[in-house]
Amino acid sequence: MGDYKKRTVVITANLVFSQWEQIPKDPMPTMAAVDRLVHHAVILKFTGESQRLQAAAKSPKR
């Protein structure tokens, strides 16, 4: 078993995987990274309003 299977990594994003290729100029490395990330991943999808956006909307503006 490789060392990469012995650690926990948490990655959060507000884009679905199909939109990750829009980030760099070359989508191939991004798709390779996504493939490696999801190989043994547990993917959690949260829906609903962003708690940070709600808090920012309520806080006084500077």
Protein backbone atom coordinates (compact mmCIF):
# COMPACT_ATOMS: atom_id res chain seq x y z
CA MET A 1 0.00 0.00 0.00
CA GLY A 2 1.37 3.40 -0.97
CA ASP A 3 1.84 6.19 1.53
CA TYR A 4 -0.90 8.17 -0.17
CA LYS A 5 -3.45 5.76 1.30
CA LYS A 6 -2.29 6.40 4.88
CA ARG A 7 -3.29 10.04 5.25
CA THR A 8 -6.54 11.96 5.25
CA VAL A 9 -6.94 14.87 2.87
CA VAL A 10 -9.93 17.19 2.83
CA ILE A 11 -10.54 19.34 -0.22
CA THR A 12 -13.46 21.71 -0.54
CA ALA A 13 -14.64 23.48 -3.66
CA ASN A 14 -17.67 25.32 -4.87
CA LEU A 15 -17.33 23.76 -8.34
CA VAL A 16 -18.42 20.31 -9.42
CA PHE A 17 -15.64 18.10 -10.84
CA SER A 18 -16.76 18.72 -14.43
CA GLN A 19 -16.05 22.45 -13.93
CA TRP A 20 -12.54 21.97 -12.51
CA GLU A 21 -11.08 21.87 -16.02
CA GLN A 22 -11.95 25.57 -16.36
CA ILE A 23 -9.39 26.57 -13.72
CA PRO A 24 -6.01 25.97 -15.46
CA LYS A 25 -5.17 26.62 -19.08
CA ASP A 26 -4.52 22.91 -19.71
CA PRO A 27 -7.39 20.68 -18.55
CA MET A 28 -5.43 17.40 -18.80
CA PRO A 29 -3.45 17.80 -15.53
CA THR A 30 -6.63 18.86 -13.75
CA MET A 31 -8.52 15.78 -14.91
CA ALA A 32 -5.57 13.58 -13.89
CA ALA A 33 -5.60 15.17 -10.42
CA VAL A 34 -9.37 14.68 -10.09
CA ASP A 35 -8.98 11.05 -11.14
CA ARG A 36 -6.38 10.46 -8.42
CA LEU A 37 -8.36 12.35 -5.81
CA VAL A 38 -11.55 10.37 -6.31
CA HIS A 39 -9.92 6.93 -6.73
CA HIS A 40 -10.47 5.93 -3.07
CA ALA A 41 -12.45 8.99 -2.03
CA VAL A 42 -15.56 9.47 0.00
CA ILE A 43 -17.31 12.38 -1.67
CA LEU A 44 -19.74 14.47 0.35
CA LYS A 45 -22.05 16.84 -1.47
CA PHE A 46 -23.69 19.57 0.52
CA THR A 47 -26.58 21.58 -0.84
CA GLY A 48 -28.35 24.65 0.39
CA GLU A 49 -27.38 28.16 1.32
CA SER A 50 -23.78 28.94 2.18
CA GLN A 51 -23.39 29.70 5.89
CA ARG A 52 -20.55 32.13 5.14
CA LEU A 53 -22.64 34.05 2.60
CA GLN A 54 -25.51 34.31 5.07
CA ALA A 55 -23.18 35.58 7.81
CA ALA A 56 -21.56 38.08 5.43
CA ALA A 57 -24.95 39.41 4.40
CA LYS A 58 -25.90 40.02 8.03
CA SER A 59 -22.63 41.68 9.09
CA PRO A 60 -22.21 45.44 8.74
CA LYS A 61 -20.28 46.55 5.68
CA ARG A 62 -17.02 48.39 6.14
